[in-house]
PDB file of N, CA and C in Angstrom:
ATOM      1  N   MET A   1      25.085   3.663  -8.805  1.00  0.00           N
ATOM      2  CA  MET A   1      23.910   2.678  -8.698  1.00  0.00           C
ATOM      3  C   MET A   1      22.964   3.088  -9.490  1.00  0.00           C
ATOM      4  N   ALA A   2      22.142   1.519 -10.322  1.00  0.00           N
ATOM      5  CA  ALA A   2      21.077   2.791 -10.749  1.00  0.00           C
ATOM      6  C   ALA A   2      20.365   1.716  -9.888  1.00  0.00           C
ATOM      7  N   ALA A   3      19.101   2.122 -10.437  1.00  0.00           N
ATOM      8  CA  ALA A   3      17.969   2.382  -9.245  1.00  0.00           C
ATOM      9  C   ALA A   3      17.190   0.968  -9.351  1.00  0.00           C
ATOM     10  N   PRO A   4      16.741   0.680  -9.103  1.00  0.00           N
ATOM     11  CA  PRO A   4      16.326  -1.012  -8.740  1.00  0.00           C
ATOM     12  C   PRO A   4      14.548  -0.434 -10.017  1.00  0.00           C
ATOM     13  N   GLY A   5      14.777  -1.852 -10.309  1.00  0.00           N
ATOM     14  CA  GLY A   5      13.275  -1.398 -11.748  1.00  0.00           C
ATOM     15  C   GLY A   5      11.339  -2.067 -10.790  1.00  0.00           C
ATOM     16  N   PRO A   6      10.876  -2.000 -11.748  1.00  0.00           N
ATOM     17  CA  PRO A   6       9.748  -2.708 -10.265  1.00  0.00           C
ATOM     18  C   PRO A   6      10.015  -4.365 -10.031  1.00  0.00           C
ATOM     19  N   ALA A   7      10.116  -4.801 -11.100  1.00  0.00           N
ATOM     20  CA  ALA A   7      10.202  -6.522 -10.348  1.00  0.00           C
ATOM     21  C   ALA A   7      11.234  -6.386  -8.899  1.00  0.00           C
ATOM     22  N   GLN A   8      12.036  -5.756  -8.760  1.00  0.00           N
ATOM     23  CA  GLN A   8      13.149  -5.632  -7.738  1.00  0.00           C
ATOM     24  C   GLN A   8      12.180  -4.572  -6.451  1.00  0.00           C
ATOM     25  N   GLU A   9      11.691  -3.233  -7.111  1.00  0.00           N
ATOM     26  CA  GLU A   9      10.497  -2.747  -6.050  1.00  0.00           C
ATOM     27  C   GLU A   9       9.752  -3.661  -5.432  1.00  0.00           C
ATOM     28  N   MET A  10       8.733  -4.180  -6.466  1.00  0.00           N
ATOM     29  CA  MET A  10       7.700  -5.523  -5.670  1.00  0.00           C
ATOM     30  C   MET A  10       8.502  -6.077  -5.044  1.00  0.00           C
ATOM     31  N   LEU A  11       9.849  -7.214  -4.961  1.00  0.00           N
ATOM     32  CA  LEU A  11      10.616  -7.827  -4.453  1.00  0.00           C
ATOM     33  C   LEU A  11      10.392  -7.637  -2.659  1.00  0.00           C
ATOM     34  N   CYS A  12      10.958  -5.753  -2.482  1.00  0.00           N
ATOM     35  CA  CYS A  12      11.792  -5.460  -1.470  1.00  0.00           C
ATOM     36  C   CYS A  12      10.239  -5.102  -0.432  1.00  0.00           C
ATOM     37  N   VAL A  13       9.044  -4.803  -1.612  1.00  0.00           N
ATOM     38  CA  VAL A  13       7.637  -4.526  -0.480  1.00  0.00           C
ATOM     39  C   VAL A  13       7.082  -5.744  -0.053  1.00  0.00           C
ATOM     40  N   LEU A  14       7.173  -6.494  -0.937  1.00  0.00           N
ATOM     41  CA  LEU A  14       6.316  -8.511   0.023  1.00  0.00           C
ATOM     42  C   LEU A  14       7.508  -8.828   0.446  1.00  0.00           C
ATOM     43  N   HIS A  15       9.194  -8.298   0.901  1.00  0.00           N
ATOM     44  CA  HIS A  15       9.661  -8.452   1.582  1.00  0.00           C
ATOM     45  C   HIS A  15       8.989  -7.746   2.987  1.00  0.00           C
ATOM     46  N   TRP A  16       8.933  -6.830   2.595  1.00  0.00           N
ATOM     47  CA  TRP A  16       8.503  -5.994   3.843  1.00  0.00           C
ATOM     48  C   TRP A  16       7.140  -6.657   4.348  1.00  0.00           C
ATOM     49  N   PHE A  17       6.276  -6.504   3.787  1.00  0.00           N
ATOM     50  CA  PHE A  17       5.346  -7.298   3.778  1.00  0.00           C
ATOM     51  C   PHE A  17       5.272  -8.411   4.740  1.00  0.00           C
ATOM     52  N   THR A  18       6.011  -9.250   4.364  1.00  0.00           N
ATOM     53  CA  THR A  18       5.403 -10.743   5.577  1.00  0.00           C
ATOM     54  C   THR A  18       6.314 -10.275   6.346  1.00  0.00           C
ATOM     55  N   GLY A  19       7.397  -9.145   6.777  1.00  0.00           N
ATOM     56  CA  GLY A  19       7.779  -8.321   8.331  1.00  0.00           C
ATOM     57  C   GLY A  19       6.632  -7.365   9.428  1.00  0.00           C
ATOM     58  N   TRP A  20       5.748  -7.157   8.802  1.00  0.00           N
ATOM     59  CA  TRP A  20       4.780  -5.824   9.094  1.00  0.00           C
ATOM     60  C   TRP A  20       4.033  -6.856  10.242  1.00  0.00           C
ATOM     61  N   LEU A  21       3.760  -6.345  11.255  1.00  0.00           N
ATOM     62  CA  LEU A  21       2.446  -6.951  12.447  1.00  0.00           C
ATOM     63  C   LEU A  21       1.187  -6.349  11.827  1.00  0.00           C
ATOM     64  N   GLY A  22       0.373  -6.964  12.697  1.00  0.00           N
ATOM     65  CA  GLY A  22      -1.255  -6.004  12.060  1.00  0.00           C
ATOM     66  C   GLY A  22      -1.599  -5.456  11.730  1.00  0.00           C
ATOM     67  N   PRO A  23      -1.503  -4.001  12.347  1.00  0.00           N
ATOM     68  CA  PRO A  23      -1.306  -2.690  12.243  1.00  0.00           C
ATOM     69  C   PRO A  23      -0.753  -2.178  11.826  1.00  0.00           C
ATOM     70  N   GLN A  24      -0.101  -3.004  11.115  1.00  0.00           N
ATOM     71  CA  GLN A  24       1.453  -1.757   9.510  1.00  0.00           C
ATOM     72  C   GLN A  24       0.462  -2.092   8.662  1.00  0.00           C
ATOM     73  N   ARG A  25       0.238  -4.004   8.654  1.00  0.00           N
ATOM     74  CA  ARG A  25      -0.554  -4.907   7.454  1.00  0.00           C
ATOM     75  C   ARG A  25      -1.940  -4.084   6.954  1.00  0.00           C
ATOM     76  N   GLN A  26      -2.911  -3.141   8.711  1.00  0.00           N
ATOM     77  CA  GLN A  26      -3.778  -2.681   8.665  1.00  0.00           C
ATOM     78  C   GLN A  26      -3.480  -1.437   7.589  1.00  0.00           C
ATOM     79  N   ARG A  27      -2.623  -0.322   7.976  1.00  0.00           N
ATOM     80  CA  ARG A  27      -2.314   0.981   7.200  1.00  0.00           C
ATOM     81  C   ARG A  27      -2.168   0.496   5.781  1.00  0.00           C
ATOM     82  N   PHE A  28      -1.389  -0.354   5.367  1.00  0.00           N
ATOM     83  CA  PHE A  28      -0.861  -0.904   4.489  1.00  0.00           C
ATOM     84  C   PHE A  28      -1.846  -1.247   3.681  1.00  0.00           C
ATOM     85  N   LEU A  29      -3.464  -1.641   4.185  1.00  0.00           N
ATOM     86  CA  LEU A  29      -4.329  -2.251   3.645  1.00  0.00           C
ATOM     87  C   LEU A  29      -5.293  -0.963   3.715  1.00  0.00           C
ATOM     88  N   GLN A  30      -5.323  -0.461   4.056  1.00  0.00           N
ATOM     89  CA  GLN A  30      -5.876   1.266   3.759  1.00  0.00           C
ATOM     90  C   GLN A  30      -4.943   2.119   2.562  1.00  0.00           C
ATOM     91  N   ASP A  31      -3.737   2.059   2.552  1.00  0.00           N
ATOM     92  CA  ASP A  31      -3.131   3.132   1.173  1.00  0.00           C
ATOM     93  C   ASP A  31      -3.328   2.542   0.113  1.00  0.00           C
ATOM     94  N   LEU A  32      -3.030   0.707   0.424  1.00  0.00           N
ATOM     95  CA  LEU A  32      -3.311  -0.144  -0.809  1.00  0.00           C
ATOM     96  C   LEU A  32      -5.058   0.811  -1.463  1.00  0.00           C
ATOM     97  N   LEU A  33      -6.474   0.159  -0.761  1.00  0.00           N
ATOM     98  CA  LEU A  33      -7.396   0.748  -1.053  1.00  0.00           C
ATOM     99  C   LEU A  33      -7.564   2.437  -1.404  1.00  0.00           C
ATOM    100  N   ALA A  34      -6.880   2.977  -0.704  1.00  0.00           N
ATOM    101  CA  ALA A  34      -6.481   4.051  -1.118  1.00  0.00           C
ATOM    102  C   ALA A  34      -6.291   4.440  -2.893  1.00  0.00           C
ATOM    103  N   LYS A  35      -5.206   4.327  -2.893  1.00  0.00           N
ATOM    104  CA  LYS A  35      -4.570   3.656  -4.712  1.00  0.00           C
ATOM    105  C   LYS A  35      -5.541   3.286  -5.263  1.00  0.00           C
ATOM    106  N   ALA A  36      -6.280   2.118  -4.991  1.00  0.00           N
ATOM    107  CA  ALA A  36      -6.903   1.304  -6.188  1.00  0.00           C
ATOM    108  C   ALA A  36      -8.818   2.751  -5.729  1.00  0.00           C
ATOM    109  N   ALA A  37      -8.901   2.732  -5.509  1.00  0.00           N
ATOM    110  CA  ALA A  37     -10.748   4.353  -5.404  1.00  0.00           C
ATOM    111  C   ALA A  37      -9.833   5.639  -4.886  1.00  0.00           C
ATOM    112  N   PRO A  38      -8.546   6.253  -4.957  1.00  0.00           N
ATOM    113  CA  PRO A  38      -8.725   6.949  -4.993  1.00  0.00           C
ATOM    114  C   PRO A  38     -10.050   8.834  -4.403  1.00  0.00           C
ATOM    115  N   SER A  39     -10.155   8.353  -5.100  1.00  0.00           N
ATOM    116  CA  SER A  39     -11.155   9.883  -4.813  1.00  0.00           C
ATOM    117  C   SER A  39     -12.082   9.397  -3.764  1.00  0.00           C
ATOM    118  N   LYS A  40     -12.194   8.331  -3.482  1.00  0.00           N
ATOM    119  CA  LYS A  40     -13.068   8.161  -2.400  1.00  0.00           C
ATOM    120  C   LYS A  40     -12.655   8.472  -1.223  1.00  0.00           C
ATOM    121  N   LEU A  41     -11.138   7.539  -1.098  1.00  0.00           N
ATOM    122  CA  LEU A  41     -10.252   7.602   0.653  1.00  0.00           C
ATOM    123  C   LEU A  41      -8.896   7.810   0.834  1.00  0.00           C
ATOM    124  N   ARG A  42      -8.666   8.407  -0.688  1.00  0.00           N
ATOM    125  CA  ARG A  42      -7.475   9.396  -0.359  1.00  0.00           C
ATOM    126  C   ARG A  42      -8.258  10.777   0.683  1.00  0.00           C
ATOM    127  N   PRO A  43      -8.707  11.466   0.305  1.00  0.00           N
ATOM    128  CA  PRO A  43      -9.625  12.893   1.457  1.00  0.00           C
ATOM    129  C   PRO A  43      -8.897  12.571   2.999  1.00  0.00           C
ATOM    130  N   LEU A  44      -9.837  10.912   3.717  1.00  0.00           N
ATOM    131  CA  LEU A  44      -9.573  10.216   4.578  1.00  0.00           C
ATOM    132  C   LEU A  44      -8.336  10.313   4.946  1.00  0.00           C
ATOM    133  N   LEU A  45      -7.114   9.606   4.220  1.00  0.00           N
ATOM    134  CA  LEU A  45      -5.579   9.090   4.660  1.00  0.00           C
ATOM    135  C   LEU A  45      -4.950  10.443   4.840  1.00  0.00           C
ATOM    136  N   GLU A  46      -5.128  11.415   3.470  1.00  0.00           N
ATOM    137  CA  GLU A  46      -3.907  12.319   4.089  1.00  0.00           C
ATOM    138  C   GLU A  46      -5.128  13.481   5.310  1.00  0.00           C
ATOM    139  N   GLY A  47      -6.844  12.927   5.827  1.00  0.00           N
ATOM    140  CA  GLY A  47      -6.365  14.475   7.163  1.00  0.00           C
ATOM    141  C   GLY A  47      -5.797  13.341   8.053  1.00  0.00           C
ATOM    142  N   LEU A  48      -6.431  11.625   8.408  1.00  0.00           N
ATOM    143  CA  LEU A  48      -5.738  10.689   9.642  1.00  0.00           C
ATOM    144  C   LEU A  48      -4.174  11.027   9.085  1.00  0.00           C
ATOM    145  N   GLU A  49      -3.338  11.078   8.415  1.00  0.00           N
ATOM    146  CA  GLU A  49      -2.158  12.108   8.341  1.00  0.00           C
ATOM    147  C   GLU A  49      -1.560  13.294   8.716  1.00  0.00           C
ATOM    148  N   GLY A  50      -2.621  14.117   9.088  1.00  0.00           N
ATOM    149  CA  GLY A  50      -2.515  15.615   9.208  1.00  0.00           C
ATOM    150  C   GLY A  50      -3.043  14.884  10.544  1.00  0.00           C
ATOM    151  N   LEU A  51      -3.227  13.903  11.883  1.00  0.00           N
ATOM    152  CA  LEU A  51      -2.878  14.474  12.986  1.00  0.00           C
ATOM    153  C   LEU A  51      -2.190  14.859  13.710  1.00  0.00           C
ATOM    154  N   SER A  52      -1.257  14.591  13.272  1.00  0.00           N
ATOM    155  CA  SER A  52       0.148  14.525  14.617  1.00  0.00           C
ATOM    156  C   SER A  52       1.133  16.027  14.502  1.00  0.00           C
ATOM    157  N   LEU A  53       0.993  16.373  15.633  1.00  0.00           N
ATOM    158  CA  LEU A  53       1.275  17.895  14.852  1.00  0.00           C
ATOM    159  C   LEU A  53       2.954  18.200  15.419  1.00  0.00           C
ATOM    160  N   ALA A  54       3.249  17.543  15.985  1.00  0.00           N
ATOM    161  CA  ALA A  54       5.117  16.244  16.713  1.00  0.00           C
ATOM    162  C   ALA A  54       5.383  15.682  15.340  1.00  0.00           C
ATOM    163  N   ALA A  55       6.483  16.618  14.689  1.00  0.00           N
ATOM    164  CA  ALA A  55       6.678  15.718  13.619  1.00  0.00           C
ATOM    165  C   ALA A  55       8.011  14.812  14.335  1.00  0.00           C
ATOM    166  N   PRO A  56       8.144  13.684  14.879  1.00  0.00           N
ATOM    167  CA  PRO A  56       8.513  12.845  15.148  1.00  0.00           C
ATOM    168  C   PRO A  56      10.385  12.715  14.328  1.00  0.00           C
ATOM    169  N   PRO A  57      11.291  11.724  13.948  1.00  0.00           N
ATOM    170  CA  PRO A  57      10.666  11.006  12.597  1.00  0.00           C
ATOM    171  C   PRO A  57      10.498   9.203  12.290  1.00  0.00           C
ATOM    172  N   PRO A  58      10.596   9.254  10.713  1.00  0.00           N
ATOM    173  CA  PRO A  58       9.766   8.574  10.387  1.00  0.00           C
ATOM    174  C   PRO A  58      10.067   7.771  11.233  1.00  0.00           C
ATOM    175  N   SER A  59       9.724   6.383  11.248  1.00  0.00           N
ATOM    176  CA  SER A  59      10.044   4.761  11.859  1.00  0.00           C
ATOM    177  C   SER A  59       9.772   4.162  10.294  1.00  0.00           C
ATOM    178  N   LEU A  60      11.216   3.067  10.273  1.00  0.00           N
ATOM    179  CA  LEU A  60      11.523   2.653   9.299  1.00  0.00           C
ATOM    180  C   LEU A  60       9.952   1.930   8.938  1.00  0.00           C
ATOM    181  N   PHE A  61       8.443   1.471   9.223  1.00  0.00           N
ATOM    182  CA  PHE A  61       7.428   1.238   8.530  1.00  0.00           C
ATOM    183  C   PHE A  61       7.360   2.121   8.174  1.00  0.00           C
ATOM    184  N   GLN A  62       7.206   3.440   8.813  1.00  0.00           N
ATOM    185  CA  GLN A  62       6.830   4.911   7.362  1.00  0.00           C
ATOM    186  C   GLN A  62       7.529   4.689   6.098  1.00  0.00           C
ATOM    187  N   CYS A  63       9.390   4.646   6.476  1.00  0.00           N
ATOM    188  CA  CYS A  63      10.140   4.608   5.536  1.00  0.00           C
ATOM    189  C   CYS A  63       9.778   4.076   4.259  1.00  0.00           C
ATOM    190  N   GLN A  64       9.319   2.421   4.478  1.00  0.00           N
ATOM    191  CA  GLN A  64       8.768   1.549   4.121  1.00  0.00           C
ATOM    192  C   GLN A  64       7.975   2.729   2.780  1.00  0.00           C
ATOM    193  N   LEU A  65       7.285   2.474   3.306  1.00  0.00           N
ATOM    194  CA  LEU A  65       5.584   3.089   3.152  1.00  0.00           C
ATOM    195  C   LEU A  65       5.299   4.215   1.848  1.00  0.00           C
ATOM    196  N   ARG A  66       6.592   4.942   1.929  1.00  0.00           N
ATOM    197  CA  ARG A  66       6.679   6.553   1.513  1.00  0.00           C
ATOM    198  C   ARG A  66       7.356   5.664  -0.020  1.00  0.00           C
ATOM    199  N   LEU A  67       8.271   4.648   0.833  1.00  0.00           N
ATOM    200  CA  LEU A  67       9.372   4.162  -0.822  1.00  0.00           C
ATOM    201  C   LEU A  67       7.945   3.149  -1.536  1.00  0.00           C
ATOM    202  N   TRP A  68       7.253   2.893  -0.857  1.00  0.00           N
ATOM    203  CA  TRP A  68       5.655   2.349  -1.585  1.00  0.00           C
ATOM    204  C   TRP A  68       5.067   2.498  -1.813  1.00  0.00           C
ATOM    205  N   ASP A  69       4.750   3.691  -1.748  1.00  0.00           N
ATOM    206  CA  ASP A  69       4.325   5.091  -2.604  1.00  0.00           C
ATOM    207  C   ASP A  69       4.854   5.641  -3.886  1.00  0.00           C
ATOM    208  N   GLN A  70       6.196   5.742  -3.651  1.00  0.00           N
ATOM    209  CA  GLN A  70       7.231   6.276  -5.284  1.00  0.00           C
ATOM    210  C   GLN A  70       7.189   5.453  -5.812  1.00  0.00           C
ATOM    211  N   TRP A  71       7.302   3.704  -5.508  1.00  0.00           N
ATOM    212  CA  TRP A  71       8.055   3.009  -6.707  1.00  0.00           C
ATOM    213  C   TRP A  71       6.016   2.689  -7.417  1.00  0.00           C
ATOM    214  N   PHE A  72       4.916   2.724  -6.352  1.00  0.00           N
ATOM    215  CA  PHE A  72       3.189   2.398  -7.001  1.00  0.00           C
ATOM    216  C   PHE A  72       3.147   3.077  -8.107  1.00  0.00           C
ATOM    217  N   ARG A  73       3.685   4.493  -7.620  1.00  0.00           N
ATOM    218  CA  ARG A  73       3.037   5.146  -8.306  1.00  0.00           C
ATOM    219  C   ARG A  73       4.000   5.333  -9.488  1.00  0.00           C
ATOM    220  N   GLY A  74       5.032   5.008 -10.325  1.00  0.00           N
ATOM    221  CA  GLY A  74       5.937   4.556 -11.467  1.00  0.00           C
ATOM    222  C   GLY A  74       5.645   3.001 -12.096  1.00  0.00           C
ATOM    223  N   TRP A  75       5.383   2.614 -11.274  1.00  0.00           N
ATOM    224  CA  TRP A  75       4.268   1.192 -12.740  1.00  0.00           C
ATOM    225  C   TRP A  75       3.033   1.078 -13.158  1.00  0.00           C
ATOM    226  N   SER A  76       2.937   0.749 -14.043  1.00  0.00           N
ATOM    227  CA  SER A  76       2.275   0.987 -15.418  1.00  0.00           C
ATOM    228  C   SER A  76       0.871  -0.195 -14.574  1.00  0.00           C
ATOM    229  N   ASP A  77      -0.497  -0.489 -15.090  1.00  0.00           N
ATOM    230  CA  ASP A  77      -0.976  -1.252 -14.771  1.00  0.00           C
ATOM    231  C   ASP A  77      -0.802  -2.406 -14.814  1.00  0.00           C
ATOM    232  N   ALA A  78      -0.302  -3.035 -15.364  1.00  0.00           N
ATOM    233  CA  ALA A  78       0.258  -3.962 -15.187  1.00  0.00           C
ATOM    234  C   ALA A  78       1.163  -4.583 -14.191  1.00  0.00           C
ATOM    235  N   GLN A  79       1.704  -3.602 -14.148  1.00  0.00           N
ATOM    236  CA  GLN A  79       3.160  -4.108 -12.906  1.00  0.00           C
ATOM    237  C   GLN A  79       2.174  -3.862 -11.283  1.00  0.00           C
ATOM    238  N   ARG A  80       0.888  -3.125 -11.576  1.00  0.00           N
ATOM    239  CA  ARG A  80       0.449  -3.174  -9.960  1.00  0.00           C
ATOM    240  C   ARG A  80      -0.188  -4.459 -10.208  1.00  0.00           C
ATOM    241  N   ASN A  81      -0.522  -5.301 -11.577  1.00  0.00           N
ATOM    242  CA  ASN A  81      -1.618  -5.885 -11.486  1.00  0.00           C
ATOM    243  C   ASN A  81      -1.422  -6.815 -11.058  1.00  0.00           C
ATOM    244  N   HIS A  82       0.259  -7.352 -11.195  1.00  0.00           N
ATOM    245  CA  HIS A  82       1.115  -8.953 -11.457  1.00  0.00           C
ATOM    246  C   HIS A  82       1.311  -8.604  -9.612  1.00  0.00           C
ATOM    247  N   PHE A  83       1.622  -7.536  -9.368  1.00  0.00           N
ATOM    248  CA  PHE A  83       1.888  -6.894  -8.044  1.00  0.00           C
ATOM    249  C   PHE A  83       1.248  -7.853  -6.426  1.00  0.00           C
ATOM    250  N   LEU A  84       0.171  -7.563  -7.181  1.00  0.00           N
ATOM    251  CA  LEU A  84      -1.336  -7.892  -6.762  1.00  0.00           C
ATOM    252  C   LEU A  84      -1.266  -9.110  -6.549  1.00  0.00           C
ATOM    253  N   GLY A  85      -1.000  -9.320  -6.998  1.00  0.00           N
ATOM    254  CA  GLY A  85      -1.005 -11.290  -7.842  1.00  0.00           C
ATOM    255  C   GLY A  85      -0.385 -11.771  -7.121  1.00  0.00           C
ATOM    256  N   GLN A  86       1.293 -11.446  -6.030  1.00  0.00           N
ATOM    257  CA  GLN A  86       2.025 -12.109  -5.790  1.00  0.00           C
ATOM    258  C   GLN A  86       1.991 -11.713  -4.146  1.00  0.00           C
ATOM    259  N   LEU A  87       1.512 -10.569  -3.762  1.00  0.00           N
ATOM    260  CA  LEU A  87       0.462 -10.186  -2.583  1.00  0.00           C
ATOM    261  C   LEU A  87      -0.449 -11.436  -2.324  1.00  0.00           C
ATOM    262  N   GLU A  88      -0.681 -11.219  -3.447  1.00  0.00           N
ATOM    263  CA  GLU A  88      -2.108 -12.875  -2.647  1.00  0.00           C
ATOM    264  C   GLU A  88      -1.779 -14.514  -2.768  1.00  0.00           C
ATOM    265  N   GLN A  89      -0.014 -14.329  -3.603  1.00  0.00           N
ATOM    266  CA  GLN A  89       0.737 -15.940  -3.463  1.00  0.00           C
ATOM    267  C   GLN A  89       1.464 -15.183  -1.715  1.00  0.00           C
ATOM    268  N   ALA A  90       1.600 -14.041  -1.363  1.00  0.00           N
ATOM    269  CA  ALA A  90       2.454 -14.693  -0.241  1.00  0.00           C
ATOM    270  C   ALA A  90       1.036 -14.244   0.909  1.00  0.00           C
ATOM    271  N   ASP A  91      -0.095 -13.632   0.779  1.00  0.00           N
ATOM    272  CA  ASP A  91      -1.380 -13.787   1.986  1.00  0.00           C
ATOM    273  C   ASP A  91      -2.383 -13.364   1.250  1.00  0.00           C
ATOM    274  N   PRO A  92      -2.913 -14.790   0.586  1.00  0.00           N
ATOM    275  CA  PRO A  92      -4.813 -14.908   0.127  1.00  0.00           C
ATOM    276  C   PRO A  92      -5.348 -14.467   1.710  1.00  0.00           C
ATOM    277  N   ALA A  93      -5.759 -14.223   2.459  1.00  0.00           N
ATOM    278  CA  ALA A  93      -6.607 -13.702   2.678  1.00  0.00           C
ATOM    279  C   ALA A  93      -6.708 -12.180   3.185  1.00  0.00           C
ATOM    280  N   PHE A  94      -4.882 -11.854   3.023  1.00  0.00           N
ATOM    281  CA  PHE A  94      -5.094 -10.601   3.431  1.00  0.00           C
ATOM    282  C   PHE A  94      -5.611  -9.860   1.856  1.00  0.00           C
ATOM    283  N   VAL A  95      -5.341 -10.324   0.766  1.00  0.00           N
ATOM    284  CA  VAL A  95      -5.365  -9.705  -0.559  1.00  0.00           C
ATOM    285  C   VAL A  95      -7.758  -9.733  -0.543  1.00  0.00           C
ATOM    286  N   ALA A  96      -8.125 -10.731  -0.065  1.00  0.00           N
ATOM    287  CA  ALA A  96      -9.436 -11.230   0.159  1.00  0.00           C
ATOM    288  C   ALA A  96      -9.760  -9.802   0.377  1.00  0.00           C
ATOM    289  N   LEU A  97      -9.287  -9.832   1.707  1.00  0.00           N
ATOM    290  CA  LEU A  97     -10.293  -8.281   2.455  1.00  0.00           C
ATOM    291  C   LEU A  97     -10.106  -7.757   1.947  1.00  0.00           C
ATOM    292  N   PHE A  98      -8.793  -6.698   1.420  1.00  0.00           N
ATOM    293  CA  PHE A  98      -8.817  -6.033  -0.172  1.00  0.00           C
ATOM    294  C   PHE A  98      -9.673  -5.335  -0.959  1.00  0.00           C
ATOM    295  N   TYR A  99      -9.928  -6.994  -1.179  1.00  0.00           N
ATOM    296  CA  TYR A  99     -10.679  -6.869  -2.713  1.00  0.00           C
ATOM    297  C   TYR A  99     -12.455  -6.728  -1.492  1.00  0.00           C
ATOM    298  N   ARG A 100     -13.165  -7.371  -0.705  1.00  0.00           N
ATOM    299  CA  ARG A 100     -14.066  -7.183   0.067  1.00  0.00           C
ATOM    300  C   ARG A 100     -14.513  -5.725   0.163  1.00  0.00           C
ATOM    301  N   GLN A 101     -13.008  -4.813   0.574  1.00  0.00           N
ATOM    302  CA  GLN A 101     -12.867  -3.446   1.377  1.00  0.00           C
ATOM    303  C   GLN A 101     -13.475  -2.774  -0.220  1.00  0.00           C
ATOM    304  N   LEU A 102     -12.433  -2.867  -1.626  1.00  0.00           N
ATOM    305  CA  LEU A 102     -12.740  -2.627  -1.834  1.00  0.00           C
ATOM    306  C   LEU A 102     -14.046  -1.955  -2.785  1.00  0.00           C
ATOM    307  N   ALA A 103     -14.382  -3.785  -2.989  1.00  0.00           N
ATOM    308  CA  ALA A 103     -15.693  -3.917  -3.554  1.00  0.00           C
ATOM    309  C   ALA A 103     -17.303  -2.959  -2.712  1.00  0.00           C
ATOM    310  N   ALA A 104     -16.469  -2.820  -1.421  1.00  0.00           N
ATOM    311  CA  ALA A 104     -18.144  -2.679  -0.303  1.00  0.00           C
ATOM    312  C   ALA A 104     -17.374  -0.727  -0.530  1.00  0.00           C
ATOM    313  N   THR A 105     -16.539  -0.035  -1.519  1.00  0.00           N
ATOM    314  CA  THR A 105     -16.302   0.915  -2.070  1.00  0.00           C
ATOM    315  C   THR A 105     -16.877   1.768  -3.148  1.00  0.00           C
ATOM    316  N   ALA A 106     -17.377   0.937  -3.724  1.00  0.00           N
ATOM    317  CA  ALA A 106     -17.935   0.812  -4.808  1.00  0.00           C
ATOM    318  C   ALA A 106     -19.675   1.739  -4.849  1.00  0.00           C
ATOM    319  N   GLY A 107     -20.447   2.014  -4.397  1.00  0.00           N
ATOM    320  CA  GLY A 107     -21.822   2.541  -4.481  1.00  0.00           C
ATOM    321  C   GLY A 107     -20.321   3.449  -3.968  1.00  0.00           C
ATOM    322  N   GLN A 108     -19.804   3.571  -3.285  1.00  0.00           N
ATOM    323  CA  GLN A 108     -19.797   5.473  -2.349  1.00  0.00           C
ATOM    324  C   GLN A 108     -19.449   6.249  -3.244  1.00  0.00           C
ATOM    325  N   GLU A 109     -20.373   7.595  -2.819  1.00  0.00           N
ATOM    326  CA  GLU A 109     -19.911   8.677  -3.823  1.00  0.00           C
ATOM    327  C   GLU A 109     -18.459   9.935  -2.310  1.00  0.00           C
TER     328      GLU A 109
END
């Protein structure tokens, strides 16, 4: 079976997004911000992920985020921008929040 292409991957992530609750969407937002401004936010996220010493099996949401991360790394900038456009159609308020928080990181070092 062939691996899904970026278009199918984006559809999967958008489908997952519609089923995510507030805390999951907040975690996804933080991950999306870290991908958009990696030098500013990545150390914070890695620190938060390292807080759990006991390693229970990953949740379905954690598995989805891992796939999302793998797929996102393989997308071109144009594909990433296309995904943001699709996400904006699905939830304009979420993407507006993303852009506001991204702009807030612009002056941080």
